[in-house]
Amino acid sequence: MNVGAQPVPRPAAFTTGAERFMVAPVRKALAVTQETPKIPKQERRALVRLAWNVAGSVALLLGLIGVVLPVLPTTPFVLVAAFAFSNGSPRMRQWLVSHAVFGPLIADWEAHGAIARPIKRLSCAIMAGVFLVSVIAGVALPILIVQALCLGGAAAYVLSRPDGPQ
């Protein structure tokens, strides 16, 4: 142990006998190091908005990738992006809601909690196709069981949603 080394700051409940008898300036210096810096409210709001915008951008990017890749669903990521942008960037949310392709999906979901019937059919067909590819590829049985449970749960959820206005 170094003779001149400073002790590690500890909460008052865990002080050793030697720390109780320190001179006031040392005790005060230790107390200062234990304080957490306070972030001003405006900066905190900016950080929270940035986090929502990053989450929305990532979700939208995954949704756009899902348009091309049938394995990745588009609709849930677009809905998450709309939610995130509603907290982070109203301008991006407005763009998303007024988009020709994504706008109707968001509007149906927000108004009725609905997924259109053609989207339901497509989603279930893609899930079945992915499972079939896994079976043909010879994926191990435990993985197939987990995949079947996950895809079955997702399909049940999608099919349990209302169809929306006709």
N, C-alpha and C. Protein backbone atom coordinates (compact mmCIF):
# COMPACT_ATOMS: atom_id res chain seq x y z
N MET A 1 0.85 -1.18 0.00
CA MET A 1 0.00 0.00 0.00
C MET A 1 0.89 1.24 0.00
N ASN A 2 0.54 2.20 -0.86
CA ASN A 2 1.28 3.46 -0.90
C ASN A 2 0.96 4.28 0.32
N VAL A 3 2.00 4.85 0.90
CA VAL A 3 1.79 5.65 2.11
C VAL A 3 1.07 6.95 1.79
N GLY A 4 1.40 7.57 0.65
CA GLY A 4 0.80 8.86 0.30
C GLY A 4 -0.45 8.75 -0.53
N ALA A 5 -0.94 7.55 -0.81
CA ALA A 5 -2.10 7.37 -1.68
C ALA A 5 -3.38 7.81 -0.98
N GLN A 6 -4.27 8.41 -1.75
CA GLN A 6 -5.57 8.83 -1.23
C GLN A 6 -6.50 7.63 -1.19
N PRO A 7 -7.33 7.53 -0.16
CA PRO A 7 -8.28 6.41 -0.11
C PRO A 7 -9.37 6.60 -1.16
N VAL A 8 -9.95 5.50 -1.58
CA VAL A 8 -11.05 5.53 -2.54
C VAL A 8 -12.28 6.09 -1.83
N PRO A 9 -12.95 7.08 -2.44
CA PRO A 9 -14.15 7.65 -1.80
C PRO A 9 -15.23 6.59 -1.66
N ARG A 10 -15.84 6.54 -0.51
CA ARG A 10 -16.91 5.58 -0.23
C ARG A 10 -18.09 6.33 0.38
N PRO A 11 -19.29 5.76 0.23
CA PRO A 11 -20.42 6.36 0.93
C PRO A 11 -20.18 6.34 2.44
N ALA A 12 -20.85 7.22 3.13
CA ALA A 12 -20.63 7.38 4.57
C ALA A 12 -20.86 6.07 5.33
N ALA A 13 -21.76 5.24 4.88
CA ALA A 13 -22.06 4.00 5.58
C ALA A 13 -20.89 3.02 5.54
N PHE A 14 -19.97 3.21 4.57
CA PHE A 14 -18.88 2.28 4.41
C PHE A 14 -17.52 2.88 4.77
N THR A 15 -17.49 3.91 5.55
CA THR A 15 -16.20 4.54 5.89
C THR A 15 -15.45 3.66 6.88
N THR A 16 -14.14 3.74 6.77
CA THR A 16 -13.30 3.00 7.71
C THR A 16 -13.01 3.91 8.89
N GLY A 17 -12.44 3.36 9.90
CA GLY A 17 -12.12 4.15 11.09
C GLY A 17 -11.17 5.29 10.78
N ALA A 18 -10.19 5.06 9.90
CA ALA A 18 -9.21 6.10 9.57
C ALA A 18 -9.87 7.26 8.85
N GLU A 19 -10.85 6.98 7.96
CA GLU A 19 -11.49 8.05 7.21
C GLU A 19 -12.34 8.94 8.11
N ARG A 20 -12.81 8.43 9.22
CA ARG A 20 -13.62 9.24 10.13
C ARG A 20 -12.80 10.34 10.78
N PHE A 21 -11.52 10.11 10.91
CA PHE A 21 -10.67 11.07 11.61
C PHE A 21 -9.86 11.96 10.66
N MET A 22 -10.23 12.01 9.37
CA MET A 22 -9.52 12.87 8.43
C MET A 22 -9.81 14.33 8.74
N VAL A 23 -8.88 15.16 8.35
CA VAL A 23 -9.09 16.59 8.54
C VAL A 23 -10.17 17.06 7.59
N ALA A 24 -10.80 18.15 7.92
CA ALA A 24 -11.96 18.66 7.18
C ALA A 24 -11.67 18.90 5.70
N PRO A 25 -10.52 19.51 5.31
CA PRO A 25 -10.30 19.74 3.87
C PRO A 25 -10.24 18.44 3.06
N VAL A 26 -9.65 17.39 3.62
CA VAL A 26 -9.60 16.12 2.91
C VAL A 26 -11.00 15.52 2.80
N ARG A 27 -11.76 15.59 3.88
CA ARG A 27 -13.12 15.08 3.87
C ARG A 27 -13.96 15.85 2.84
N LYS A 28 -13.77 17.16 2.76
CA LYS A 28 -14.52 17.99 1.82
C LYS A 28 -14.12 17.64 0.39
N ALA A 29 -12.84 17.41 0.15
CA ALA A 29 -12.38 17.05 -1.20
C ALA A 29 -12.99 15.72 -1.63
N LEU A 30 -13.06 14.77 -0.71
CA LEU A 30 -13.68 13.50 -1.02
C LEU A 30 -15.17 13.66 -1.31
N ALA A 31 -15.83 14.53 -0.58
CA ALA A 31 -17.26 14.76 -0.78
C ALA A 31 -17.51 15.37 -2.16
N VAL A 32 -16.62 16.24 -2.61
CA VAL A 32 -16.78 16.88 -3.92
C VAL A 32 -16.67 15.84 -5.02
N THR A 33 -15.75 14.89 -4.87
CA THR A 33 -15.59 13.88 -5.92
C THR A 33 -16.78 12.93 -5.97
N GLN A 34 -17.57 12.84 -4.93
CA GLN A 34 -18.70 11.93 -4.91
C GLN A 34 -19.94 12.55 -5.55
N GLU A 35 -19.97 13.85 -5.75
CA GLU A 35 -21.13 14.49 -6.35
C GLU A 35 -21.19 14.16 -7.83
N THR A 36 -22.41 13.93 -8.33
CA THR A 36 -22.58 13.71 -9.76
C THR A 36 -22.87 15.04 -10.42
N PRO A 37 -22.27 15.28 -11.57
CA PRO A 37 -22.52 16.56 -12.24
C PRO A 37 -23.97 16.62 -12.72
N LYS A 38 -24.58 17.77 -12.56
CA LYS A 38 -25.96 17.95 -12.98
C LYS A 38 -25.98 18.51 -14.39
N ILE A 39 -26.79 17.87 -15.24
CA ILE A 39 -26.94 18.33 -16.61
C ILE A 39 -28.10 19.30 -16.65
N PRO A 40 -27.90 20.47 -17.25
CA PRO A 40 -29.01 21.43 -17.33
C PRO A 40 -30.21 20.81 -18.08
N LYS A 41 -31.39 21.27 -17.70
CA LYS A 41 -32.63 20.71 -18.23
C LYS A 41 -32.70 20.80 -19.75
N GLN A 42 -32.25 21.90 -20.31
CA GLN A 42 -32.32 22.10 -21.75
C GLN A 42 -31.39 21.11 -22.47
N GLU A 43 -30.20 20.89 -21.93
CA GLU A 43 -29.28 19.93 -22.53
C GLU A 43 -29.82 18.51 -22.41
N ARG A 44 -30.45 18.21 -21.29
CA ARG A 44 -31.03 16.89 -21.10
C ARG A 44 -32.12 16.64 -22.13
N ARG A 45 -32.97 17.64 -22.36
CA ARG A 45 -34.03 17.51 -23.37
C ARG A 45 -33.43 17.27 -24.75
N ALA A 46 -32.36 17.99 -25.05
CA ALA A 46 -31.71 17.83 -26.35
C ALA A 46 -31.14 16.41 -26.50
N LEU A 47 -30.56 15.88 -25.43
CA LEU A 47 -30.02 14.51 -25.48
C LEU A 47 -31.14 13.49 -25.66
N VAL A 48 -32.26 13.70 -24.97
CA VAL A 48 -33.39 12.78 -25.09
C VAL A 48 -33.95 12.83 -26.52
N ARG A 49 -34.08 14.03 -27.08
CA ARG A 49 -34.56 14.15 -28.46
C ARG A 49 -33.61 13.48 -29.44
N LEU A 50 -32.31 13.64 -29.19
CA LEU A 50 -31.32 12.99 -30.05
C LEU A 50 -31.47 11.47 -29.97
N ALA A 51 -31.66 10.95 -28.77
CA ALA A 51 -31.84 9.50 -28.60
C ALA A 51 -33.08 9.01 -29.35
N TRP A 52 -34.19 9.76 -29.26
CA TRP A 52 -35.41 9.38 -29.99
C TRP A 52 -35.17 9.43 -31.49
N ASN A 53 -34.45 10.46 -31.97
CA ASN A 53 -34.17 10.57 -33.40
C ASN A 53 -33.28 9.45 -33.89
N VAL A 54 -32.29 9.06 -33.10
CA VAL A 54 -31.44 7.94 -33.48
C VAL A 54 -32.26 6.65 -33.54
N ALA A 55 -33.11 6.44 -32.53
CA ALA A 55 -33.96 5.24 -32.51
C ALA A 55 -34.89 5.23 -33.73
N GLY A 56 -35.48 6.37 -34.04
CA GLY A 56 -36.37 6.46 -35.20
C GLY A 56 -35.63 6.22 -36.50
N SER A 57 -34.43 6.75 -36.61
CA SER A 57 -33.64 6.56 -37.83
C SER A 57 -33.23 5.11 -38.01
N VAL A 58 -32.82 4.46 -36.93
CA VAL A 58 -32.44 3.05 -37.01
C VAL A 58 -33.66 2.20 -37.39
N ALA A 59 -34.80 2.48 -36.75
CA ALA A 59 -36.02 1.72 -37.06
C ALA A 59 -36.44 1.94 -38.51
N LEU A 60 -36.36 3.16 -38.99
CA LEU A 60 -36.73 3.45 -40.37
C LEU A 60 -35.77 2.76 -41.33
N LEU A 61 -34.49 2.77 -41.02
CA LEU A 61 -33.51 2.10 -41.87
C LEU A 61 -33.79 0.60 -41.93
N LEU A 62 -34.09 0.00 -40.78
CA LEU A 62 -34.43 -1.43 -40.77
C LEU A 62 -35.72 -1.69 -41.56
N GLY A 63 -36.68 -0.78 -41.46
CA GLY A 63 -37.91 -0.92 -42.24
C GLY A 63 -37.66 -0.82 -43.72
N LEU A 64 -36.78 0.09 -44.14
CA LEU A 64 -36.44 0.22 -45.55
C LEU A 64 -35.69 -1.02 -46.06
N ILE A 65 -34.83 -1.57 -45.22
CA ILE A 65 -34.15 -2.81 -45.59
C ILE A 65 -35.18 -3.93 -45.71
N GLY A 66 -36.19 -3.90 -44.86
CA GLY A 66 -37.25 -4.91 -44.90
C GLY A 66 -38.08 -4.86 -46.16
N VAL A 67 -38.10 -3.72 -46.85
CA VAL A 67 -38.82 -3.63 -48.12
C VAL A 67 -38.13 -4.54 -49.15
N VAL A 68 -36.80 -4.60 -49.09
CA VAL A 68 -36.03 -5.38 -50.05
C VAL A 68 -35.85 -6.83 -49.60
N LEU A 69 -35.58 -7.02 -48.30
CA LEU A 69 -35.36 -8.37 -47.77
C LEU A 69 -36.66 -8.92 -47.19
N PRO A 70 -37.14 -10.03 -47.69
CA PRO A 70 -38.41 -10.56 -47.19
C PRO A 70 -38.32 -11.12 -45.77
N VAL A 71 -37.11 -11.33 -45.27
CA VAL A 71 -36.96 -11.90 -43.94
C VAL A 71 -37.23 -10.85 -42.86
N LEU A 72 -36.99 -9.59 -43.17
CA LEU A 72 -37.12 -8.51 -42.20
C LEU A 72 -38.46 -7.80 -42.39
N PRO A 73 -39.29 -7.72 -41.35
CA PRO A 73 -40.60 -7.08 -41.52
C PRO A 73 -40.47 -5.57 -41.62
N THR A 74 -41.30 -4.98 -42.43
CA THR A 74 -41.24 -3.53 -42.63
C THR A 74 -42.16 -2.79 -41.67
N THR A 75 -43.40 -3.24 -41.58
CA THR A 75 -44.43 -2.51 -40.84
C THR A 75 -44.06 -2.22 -39.39
N PRO A 76 -43.61 -3.20 -38.60
CA PRO A 76 -43.30 -2.88 -37.19
C PRO A 76 -42.21 -1.83 -37.05
N PHE A 77 -41.21 -1.89 -37.93
CA PHE A 77 -40.13 -0.91 -37.84
C PHE A 77 -40.61 0.49 -38.23
N VAL A 78 -41.50 0.56 -39.20
CA VAL A 78 -42.04 1.87 -39.59
C VAL A 78 -42.90 2.43 -38.46
N LEU A 79 -43.67 1.58 -37.78
CA LEU A 79 -44.48 2.04 -36.66
C LEU A 79 -43.60 2.52 -35.50
N VAL A 80 -42.53 1.79 -35.23
CA VAL A 80 -41.60 2.22 -34.18
C VAL A 80 -40.94 3.54 -34.57
N ALA A 81 -40.59 3.69 -35.84
CA ALA A 81 -39.98 4.94 -36.31
C ALA A 81 -40.96 6.11 -36.13
N ALA A 82 -42.22 5.89 -36.47
CA ALA A 82 -43.22 6.96 -36.31
C ALA A 82 -43.35 7.35 -34.84
N PHE A 83 -43.38 6.36 -33.96
CA PHE A 83 -43.46 6.65 -32.53
C PHE A 83 -42.23 7.41 -32.05
N ALA A 84 -41.06 6.94 -32.44
CA ALA A 84 -39.82 7.60 -32.00
C ALA A 84 -39.74 9.02 -32.54
N PHE A 85 -40.09 9.21 -33.79
CA PHE A 85 -40.04 10.56 -34.36
C PHE A 85 -41.09 11.48 -33.73
N SER A 86 -42.19 10.93 -33.23
CA SER A 86 -43.18 11.78 -32.57
C SER A 86 -42.59 12.39 -31.30
N ASN A 87 -41.62 11.70 -30.69
CA ASN A 87 -40.95 12.23 -29.51
C ASN A 87 -39.69 13.03 -29.83
N GLY A 88 -39.11 12.79 -31.00
CA GLY A 88 -37.83 13.42 -31.31
C GLY A 88 -37.88 14.50 -32.38
N SER A 89 -38.61 14.23 -33.47
CA SER A 89 -38.62 15.16 -34.59
C SER A 89 -40.00 15.18 -35.25
N PRO A 90 -40.82 16.14 -34.89
CA PRO A 90 -42.15 16.22 -35.49
C PRO A 90 -42.10 16.35 -37.03
N ARG A 91 -41.05 17.00 -37.53
CA ARG A 91 -40.92 17.16 -38.99
C ARG A 91 -40.71 15.80 -39.67
N MET A 92 -39.86 14.93 -39.10
CA MET A 92 -39.64 13.60 -39.66
C MET A 92 -40.91 12.74 -39.54
N ARG A 93 -41.62 12.89 -38.43
CA ARG A 93 -42.86 12.12 -38.26
C ARG A 93 -43.88 12.54 -39.30
N GLN A 94 -43.98 13.84 -39.53
CA GLN A 94 -44.93 14.34 -40.53
C GLN A 94 -44.57 13.82 -41.92
N TRP A 95 -43.28 13.79 -42.23
CA TRP A 95 -42.84 13.24 -43.51
C TRP A 95 -43.24 11.77 -43.63
N LEU A 96 -43.05 11.03 -42.55
CA LEU A 96 -43.36 9.60 -42.55
C LEU A 96 -44.86 9.37 -42.69
N VAL A 97 -45.66 10.15 -41.98
CA VAL A 97 -47.12 9.98 -42.03
C VAL A 97 -47.67 10.38 -43.39
N SER A 98 -47.05 11.35 -44.03
CA SER A 98 -47.54 11.79 -45.35
C SER A 98 -46.91 11.01 -46.50
N HIS A 99 -46.05 10.05 -46.21
CA HIS A 99 -45.40 9.23 -47.24
C HIS A 99 -46.46 8.37 -47.93
N ALA A 100 -46.32 8.20 -49.24
CA ALA A 100 -47.32 7.46 -50.02
C ALA A 100 -47.41 5.99 -49.62
N VAL A 101 -46.30 5.38 -49.28
CA VAL A 101 -46.31 3.95 -48.94
C VAL A 101 -46.53 3.73 -47.45
N PHE A 102 -45.76 4.43 -46.62
CA PHE A 102 -45.80 4.19 -45.18
C PHE A 102 -46.94 4.91 -44.47
N GLY A 103 -47.41 6.00 -45.03
CA GLY A 103 -48.47 6.79 -44.40
C GLY A 103 -49.73 6.01 -44.08
N PRO A 104 -50.28 5.26 -45.06
CA PRO A 104 -51.50 4.50 -44.77
C PRO A 104 -51.32 3.43 -43.69
N LEU A 105 -50.15 2.80 -43.66
CA LEU A 105 -49.88 1.80 -42.61
C LEU A 105 -49.96 2.44 -41.23
N ILE A 106 -49.32 3.59 -41.10
CA ILE A 106 -49.29 4.30 -39.81
C ILE A 106 -50.69 4.78 -39.44
N ALA A 107 -51.40 5.35 -40.42
CA ALA A 107 -52.73 5.88 -40.14
C ALA A 107 -53.69 4.77 -39.69
N ASP A 108 -53.66 3.62 -40.38
CA ASP A 108 -54.52 2.50 -39.97
C ASP A 108 -54.18 2.02 -38.57
N TRP A 109 -52.90 1.93 -38.28
CA TRP A 109 -52.48 1.45 -36.96
C TRP A 109 -52.91 2.42 -35.87
N GLU A 110 -52.67 3.72 -36.10
CA GLU A 110 -52.99 4.70 -35.06
C GLU A 110 -54.49 4.86 -34.86
N ALA A 111 -55.26 4.77 -35.94
CA ALA A 111 -56.70 4.98 -35.83
C ALA A 111 -57.43 3.75 -35.29
N HIS A 112 -57.00 2.56 -35.72
CA HIS A 112 -57.78 1.36 -35.40
C HIS A 112 -56.96 0.23 -34.79
N GLY A 113 -55.64 0.39 -34.70
CA GLY A 113 -54.80 -0.73 -34.27
C GLY A 113 -54.87 -1.84 -35.31
N ALA A 114 -55.02 -1.44 -36.57
CA ALA A 114 -55.34 -2.39 -37.63
C ALA A 114 -54.15 -2.63 -38.56
N ILE A 115 -54.16 -3.84 -39.13
CA ILE A 115 -53.23 -4.20 -40.18
C ILE A 115 -54.09 -4.65 -41.35
N ALA A 116 -53.88 -4.06 -42.52
CA ALA A 116 -54.69 -4.38 -43.69
C ALA A 116 -54.57 -5.85 -44.05
N ARG A 117 -55.65 -6.41 -44.57
CA ARG A 117 -55.70 -7.84 -44.88
C ARG A 117 -54.59 -8.27 -45.85
N PRO A 118 -54.30 -7.52 -46.92
CA PRO A 118 -53.20 -7.94 -47.81
C PRO A 118 -51.85 -7.97 -47.09
N ILE A 119 -51.63 -7.06 -46.16
CA ILE A 119 -50.39 -7.04 -45.40
C ILE A 119 -50.32 -8.26 -44.48
N LYS A 120 -51.47 -8.64 -43.91
CA LYS A 120 -51.51 -9.84 -43.06
C LYS A 120 -51.15 -11.08 -43.87
N ARG A 121 -51.75 -11.20 -45.06
CA ARG A 121 -51.46 -12.36 -45.91
C ARG A 121 -49.98 -12.41 -46.28
N LEU A 122 -49.45 -11.27 -46.67
CA LEU A 122 -48.04 -11.20 -47.06
C LEU A 122 -47.13 -11.54 -45.89
N SER A 123 -47.44 -11.01 -44.72
CA SER A 123 -46.62 -11.28 -43.53
C SER A 123 -46.62 -12.77 -43.19
N CYS A 124 -47.78 -13.38 -43.18
CA CYS A 124 -47.86 -14.81 -42.85
C CYS A 124 -47.18 -15.67 -43.91
N ALA A 125 -47.32 -15.28 -45.17
CA ALA A 125 -46.66 -16.03 -46.24
C ALA A 125 -45.14 -15.94 -46.12
N ILE A 126 -44.65 -14.77 -45.80
CA ILE A 126 -43.20 -14.61 -45.64
C ILE A 126 -42.71 -15.41 -44.44
N MET A 127 -43.46 -15.37 -43.33
CA MET A 127 -43.05 -16.16 -42.16
C MET A 127 -43.03 -17.64 -42.48
N ALA A 128 -44.04 -18.13 -43.19
CA ALA A 128 -44.08 -19.54 -43.57
C ALA A 128 -42.92 -19.87 -44.51
N GLY A 129 -42.64 -18.96 -45.43
CA GLY A 129 -41.53 -19.17 -46.36
C GLY A 129 -40.18 -19.24 -45.66
N VAL A 130 -39.98 -18.36 -44.71
CA VAL A 130 -38.73 -18.37 -43.95
C VAL A 130 -38.58 -19.68 -43.19
N PHE A 131 -39.67 -20.14 -42.58
CA PHE A 131 -39.61 -21.40 -41.84
C PHE A 131 -39.33 -22.56 -42.79
N LEU A 132 -39.96 -22.56 -43.95
CA LEU A 132 -39.74 -23.61 -44.94
C LEU A 132 -38.29 -23.63 -45.40
N VAL A 133 -37.72 -22.48 -45.65
CA VAL A 133 -36.31 -22.40 -46.04
C VAL A 133 -35.42 -22.97 -44.94
N SER A 134 -35.74 -22.70 -43.69
CA SER A 134 -34.96 -23.25 -42.57
C SER A 134 -35.05 -24.76 -42.53
N VAL A 135 -36.24 -25.31 -42.78
CA VAL A 135 -36.42 -26.77 -42.78
C VAL A 135 -35.61 -27.38 -43.93
N ILE A 136 -35.71 -26.79 -45.11
CA ILE A 136 -34.99 -27.31 -46.28
C ILE A 136 -33.48 -27.21 -46.07
N ALA A 137 -33.04 -26.15 -45.41
CA ALA A 137 -31.60 -25.94 -45.16
C ALA A 137 -31.06 -26.91 -44.11
N GLY A 138 -31.92 -27.63 -43.44
CA GLY A 138 -31.48 -28.61 -42.45
C GLY A 138 -31.04 -27.99 -41.13
N VAL A 139 -31.71 -26.94 -40.73
CA VAL A 139 -31.40 -26.31 -39.44
C VAL A 139 -31.73 -27.29 -38.32
N ALA A 140 -30.97 -27.25 -37.25
CA ALA A 140 -31.14 -28.17 -36.12
C ALA A 140 -32.55 -28.05 -35.53
N LEU A 141 -33.05 -29.18 -35.04
CA LEU A 141 -34.41 -29.25 -34.51
C LEU A 141 -34.69 -28.25 -33.38
N PRO A 142 -33.80 -28.08 -32.38
CA PRO A 142 -34.10 -27.08 -31.34
C PRO A 142 -34.27 -25.67 -31.89
N ILE A 143 -33.49 -25.34 -32.89
CA ILE A 143 -33.61 -24.00 -33.50
C ILE A 143 -34.93 -23.90 -34.26
N LEU A 144 -35.30 -24.97 -34.95
CA LEU A 144 -36.58 -24.97 -35.66
C LEU A 144 -37.75 -24.81 -34.70
N ILE A 145 -37.65 -25.43 -33.54
CA ILE A 145 -38.73 -25.32 -32.55
C ILE A 145 -38.85 -23.88 -32.06
N VAL A 146 -37.71 -23.27 -31.74
CA VAL A 146 -37.73 -21.87 -31.29
C VAL A 146 -38.25 -20.97 -32.40
N GLN A 147 -37.78 -21.21 -33.61
CA GLN A 147 -38.23 -20.40 -34.75
C GLN A 147 -39.74 -20.57 -34.97
N ALA A 148 -40.23 -21.80 -34.87
CA ALA A 148 -41.66 -22.03 -35.06
C ALA A 148 -42.48 -21.33 -33.99
N LEU A 149 -42.00 -21.37 -32.74
CA LEU A 149 -42.73 -20.67 -31.67
C LEU A 149 -42.74 -19.16 -31.89
N CYS A 150 -41.61 -18.60 -32.26
CA CYS A 150 -41.53 -17.14 -32.48
C CYS A 150 -42.37 -16.72 -33.67
N LEU A 151 -42.21 -17.42 -34.78
CA LEU A 151 -42.98 -17.07 -35.98
C LEU A 151 -44.47 -17.32 -35.77
N GLY A 152 -44.79 -18.39 -35.06
CA GLY A 152 -46.21 -18.67 -34.76
C GLY A 152 -46.82 -17.58 -33.89
N GLY A 153 -46.07 -17.14 -32.88
CA GLY A 153 -46.55 -16.04 -32.03
C GLY A 153 -46.72 -14.75 -32.81
N ALA A 154 -45.75 -14.45 -33.68
CA ALA A 154 -45.85 -13.24 -34.50
C ALA A 154 -47.05 -13.33 -35.45
N ALA A 155 -47.24 -14.49 -36.07
CA ALA A 155 -48.38 -14.67 -36.98
C ALA A 155 -49.70 -14.55 -36.23
N ALA A 156 -49.76 -15.14 -35.04
CA ALA A 156 -51.00 -15.05 -34.24
C ALA A 156 -51.31 -13.59 -33.90
N TYR A 157 -50.28 -12.83 -33.56
CA TYR A 157 -50.50 -11.42 -33.23
C TYR A 157 -50.99 -10.66 -34.46
N VAL A 158 -50.32 -10.86 -35.59
CA VAL A 158 -50.70 -10.16 -36.82
C VAL A 158 -52.14 -10.51 -37.20
N LEU A 159 -52.48 -11.79 -37.13
CA LEU A 159 -53.84 -12.20 -37.50
C LEU A 159 -54.90 -11.76 -36.50
N SER A 160 -54.50 -11.49 -35.26
CA SER A 160 -55.48 -11.07 -34.26
C SER A 160 -55.83 -9.59 -34.36
N ARG A 161 -55.08 -8.82 -35.11
CA ARG A 161 -55.36 -7.40 -35.28
C ARG A 161 -56.55 -7.22 -36.21
N PRO A 162 -57.33 -6.17 -35.99
CA PRO A 162 -58.45 -5.92 -36.90
C PRO A 162 -57.95 -5.57 -38.31
N ASP A 163 -58.84 -5.75 -39.30
CA ASP A 163 -58.46 -5.46 -40.69
C ASP A 163 -58.48 -3.97 -41.00
N GLY A 164 -59.15 -3.19 -40.22
CA GLY A 164 -59.23 -1.75 -40.48
C GLY A 164 -60.41 -1.43 -41.37
N PRO A 165 -60.55 -0.17 -41.72
CA PRO A 165 -61.68 0.23 -42.56
C PRO A 165 -61.56 -0.37 -43.96
N GLN A 166 -62.67 -0.77 -44.51
CA GLN A 166 -62.66 -1.41 -45.85
C GLN A 166 -62.91 -0.40 -46.92
